[in-house]
Amino acid sequence: MSKIGAARSMFYKAKLPIICSICLKDIRFREDLTVDHITPRSRGGTSSFDNLQPAHKRCNQIKGSKMEY
């Protein structure tokens, strides 16, 4: 399993709601949960656990490869 897959699995197993690290609102449905790279891979970030955070799917899409939201 990849590091992102392991992080996603860890977030899925956590009790809902989980807080989105971008908008700071509850992630109430597992379908809305994604794993965001704090420092995007395109900017030299890695897929290590300390660079991954839970985020809403839409928040992650809007953030894209920006360093801050």
N, C-alpha and C. Protein backbone atom coordinates (compact mmCIF):
# COMPACT_ATOMS: atom_id res chain seq x y z
N MET A 1 0.84 -1.17 0.00
CA MET A 1 0.00 0.00 0.00
C MET A 1 0.89 1.24 0.00
N SER A 2 0.53 2.23 -0.81
CA SER A 2 1.30 3.47 -0.87
C SER A 2 1.12 4.28 0.42
N LYS A 3 1.98 5.26 0.61
CA LYS A 3 1.88 6.12 1.80
C LYS A 3 0.57 6.90 1.78
N ILE A 4 0.16 7.35 0.60
CA ILE A 4 -1.11 8.08 0.49
C ILE A 4 -2.26 7.14 0.79
N GLY A 5 -2.20 5.93 0.28
CA GLY A 5 -3.24 4.93 0.56
C GLY A 5 -3.30 4.61 2.04
N ALA A 6 -2.14 4.51 2.69
CA ALA A 6 -2.10 4.23 4.13
C ALA A 6 -2.68 5.41 4.91
N ALA A 7 -2.35 6.64 4.50
CA ALA A 7 -2.89 7.82 5.18
C ALA A 7 -4.40 7.88 5.00
N ARG A 8 -4.87 7.63 3.79
CA ARG A 8 -6.31 7.64 3.52
C ARG A 8 -7.01 6.60 4.38
N SER A 9 -6.42 5.42 4.47
CA SER A 9 -6.98 4.36 5.29
C SER A 9 -7.03 4.78 6.76
N MET A 10 -5.97 5.43 7.23
CA MET A 10 -5.93 5.89 8.61
C MET A 10 -7.03 6.93 8.86
N PHE A 11 -7.21 7.86 7.92
CA PHE A 11 -8.26 8.87 8.06
C PHE A 11 -9.64 8.23 8.00
N TYR A 12 -9.82 7.24 7.11
CA TYR A 12 -11.11 6.56 7.01
C TYR A 12 -11.48 5.85 8.30
N LYS A 13 -10.47 5.27 8.96
CA LYS A 13 -10.74 4.52 10.18
C LYS A 13 -11.01 5.44 11.37
N ALA A 14 -10.62 6.70 11.25
CA ALA A 14 -10.86 7.65 12.33
C ALA A 14 -12.37 7.91 12.45
N LYS A 15 -12.77 8.24 13.61
CA LYS A 15 -14.19 8.51 13.86
C LYS A 15 -14.58 9.83 13.19
N LEU A 16 -15.65 9.81 12.43
CA LEU A 16 -16.15 11.03 11.80
C LEU A 16 -16.85 11.89 12.83
N PRO A 17 -16.92 13.19 12.72
CA PRO A 17 -16.34 13.95 11.62
C PRO A 17 -14.85 14.21 11.82
N ILE A 18 -14.17 14.30 10.71
CA ILE A 18 -12.77 14.69 10.66
C ILE A 18 -12.76 16.15 10.22
N ILE A 19 -11.81 16.92 10.66
CA ILE A 19 -11.73 18.33 10.29
C ILE A 19 -10.87 18.49 9.04
N CYS A 20 -11.40 19.23 8.07
CA CYS A 20 -10.64 19.56 6.87
C CYS A 20 -9.53 20.54 7.26
N SER A 21 -8.31 20.24 6.88
CA SER A 21 -7.17 21.08 7.24
C SER A 21 -7.12 22.37 6.44
N ILE A 22 -7.94 22.49 5.41
CA ILE A 22 -7.95 23.69 4.59
C ILE A 22 -9.03 24.67 5.03
N CYS A 23 -10.28 24.21 5.12
CA CYS A 23 -11.38 25.11 5.48
C CYS A 23 -11.77 25.03 6.96
N LEU A 24 -11.22 24.03 7.66
CA LEU A 24 -11.46 23.82 9.09
C LEU A 24 -12.90 23.46 9.43
N LYS A 25 -13.64 22.93 8.46
CA LYS A 25 -15.00 22.46 8.69
C LYS A 25 -15.00 20.94 8.74
N ASP A 26 -16.07 20.38 9.30
CA ASP A 26 -16.19 18.92 9.41
C ASP A 26 -16.27 18.26 8.04
N ILE A 27 -15.60 17.12 7.92
CA ILE A 27 -15.77 16.25 6.76
C ILE A 27 -16.73 15.17 7.24
N ARG A 28 -17.96 15.25 6.84
CA ARG A 28 -19.00 14.37 7.39
C ARG A 28 -19.17 13.07 6.61
N PHE A 29 -18.76 13.06 5.34
CA PHE A 29 -18.96 11.88 4.51
C PHE A 29 -17.62 11.40 3.97
N ARG A 30 -17.39 10.12 4.05
CA ARG A 30 -16.12 9.56 3.58
C ARG A 30 -15.87 9.84 2.10
N GLU A 31 -16.93 9.98 1.33
CA GLU A 31 -16.77 10.27 -0.10
C GLU A 31 -16.14 11.64 -0.34
N ASP A 32 -16.26 12.54 0.65
CA ASP A 32 -15.69 13.89 0.53
C ASP A 32 -14.26 13.98 1.03
N LEU A 33 -13.72 12.90 1.59
CA LEU A 33 -12.40 12.91 2.21
C LEU A 33 -11.31 12.61 1.18
N THR A 34 -10.31 13.49 1.13
CA THR A 34 -9.11 13.24 0.32
C THR A 34 -7.89 13.48 1.19
N VAL A 35 -6.75 13.07 0.69
CA VAL A 35 -5.48 13.31 1.36
C VAL A 35 -4.75 14.40 0.58
N ASP A 36 -4.47 15.50 1.26
CA ASP A 36 -3.81 16.66 0.64
C ASP A 36 -2.34 16.67 1.02
N HIS A 37 -1.49 17.04 0.07
CA HIS A 37 -0.07 17.27 0.36
C HIS A 37 0.07 18.70 0.87
N ILE A 38 0.60 18.88 2.07
CA ILE A 38 0.79 20.22 2.63
C ILE A 38 1.71 21.02 1.71
N THR A 39 2.88 20.47 1.41
CA THR A 39 3.75 21.02 0.38
C THR A 39 3.53 20.15 -0.85
N PRO A 40 2.93 20.72 -1.91
CA PRO A 40 2.60 19.91 -3.09
C PRO A 40 3.82 19.19 -3.67
N ARG A 41 3.57 18.03 -4.21
CA ARG A 41 4.66 17.26 -4.83
C ARG A 41 5.31 18.05 -5.95
N SER A 42 4.53 18.86 -6.66
CA SER A 42 5.07 19.66 -7.75
C SER A 42 6.03 20.74 -7.25
N ARG A 43 6.02 21.00 -5.94
CA ARG A 43 6.92 21.99 -5.34
C ARG A 43 7.94 21.34 -4.42
N GLY A 44 8.16 20.05 -4.63
CA GLY A 44 9.19 19.34 -3.89
C GLY A 44 8.71 18.59 -2.66
N GLY A 45 7.40 18.61 -2.40
CA GLY A 45 6.86 17.88 -1.25
C GLY A 45 6.90 16.38 -1.48
N THR A 46 6.88 15.65 -0.38
CA THR A 46 6.91 14.19 -0.46
C THR A 46 5.57 13.63 0.01
N SER A 47 5.44 12.33 -0.09
CA SER A 47 4.24 11.66 0.40
C SER A 47 4.46 11.06 1.78
N SER A 48 5.35 11.67 2.55
CA SER A 48 5.57 11.21 3.92
C SER A 48 4.39 11.65 4.78
N PHE A 49 4.14 10.91 5.86
CA PHE A 49 2.98 11.18 6.70
C PHE A 49 2.96 12.61 7.24
N ASP A 50 4.14 13.19 7.50
CA ASP A 50 4.17 14.55 8.05
C ASP A 50 3.87 15.61 7.00
N ASN A 51 3.70 15.22 5.74
CA ASN A 51 3.33 16.16 4.68
C ASN A 51 1.92 15.90 4.17
N LEU A 52 1.17 15.06 4.85
CA LEU A 52 -0.19 14.72 4.41
C LEU A 52 -1.20 15.19 5.45
N GLN A 53 -2.36 15.63 4.96
CA GLN A 53 -3.42 16.09 5.86
C GLN A 53 -4.78 15.77 5.23
N PRO A 54 -5.81 15.61 6.06
CA PRO A 54 -7.15 15.36 5.52
C PRO A 54 -7.74 16.64 4.96
N ALA A 55 -8.50 16.53 3.87
CA ALA A 55 -9.14 17.69 3.26
C ALA A 55 -10.40 17.24 2.52
N HIS A 56 -11.36 18.18 2.41
CA HIS A 56 -12.52 17.93 1.55
C HIS A 56 -12.02 17.78 0.11
N LYS A 57 -12.67 16.98 -0.65
CA LYS A 57 -12.31 16.81 -2.06
C LYS A 57 -12.29 18.15 -2.79
N ARG A 58 -13.34 18.95 -2.58
CA ARG A 58 -13.45 20.24 -3.27
C ARG A 58 -12.36 21.22 -2.80
N CYS A 59 -12.10 21.28 -1.50
CA CYS A 59 -11.04 22.16 -0.99
C CYS A 59 -9.69 21.79 -1.59
N ASN A 60 -9.42 20.51 -1.68
CA ASN A 60 -8.16 20.03 -2.24
C ASN A 60 -8.05 20.40 -3.72
N GLN A 61 -9.15 20.29 -4.46
CA GLN A 61 -9.15 20.66 -5.87
C GLN A 61 -8.89 22.15 -6.05
N ILE A 62 -9.52 22.97 -5.21
CA ILE A 62 -9.34 24.43 -5.31
C ILE A 62 -7.91 24.80 -4.93
N LYS A 63 -7.36 24.18 -3.90
CA LYS A 63 -6.01 24.48 -3.45
C LYS A 63 -5.00 24.14 -4.55
N GLY A 64 -5.21 23.04 -5.22
CA GLY A 64 -4.30 22.63 -6.29
C GLY A 64 -2.87 22.53 -5.82
N SER A 65 -1.95 23.19 -6.52
CA SER A 65 -0.53 23.12 -6.15
C SER A 65 -0.07 24.36 -5.38
N LYS A 66 -1.02 25.13 -4.85
CA LYS A 66 -0.66 26.30 -4.05
C LYS A 66 -0.10 25.83 -2.70
N MET A 67 0.77 26.63 -2.14
CA MET A 67 1.34 26.30 -0.83
C MET A 67 0.35 26.64 0.28
N GLU A 68 -0.40 27.69 0.12
CA GLU A 68 -1.39 28.09 1.11
C GLU A 68 -2.72 28.27 0.42
N TYR A 69 -3.76 28.14 1.18
CA TYR A 69 -5.11 28.28 0.63
C TYR A 69 -5.65 29.64 0.93
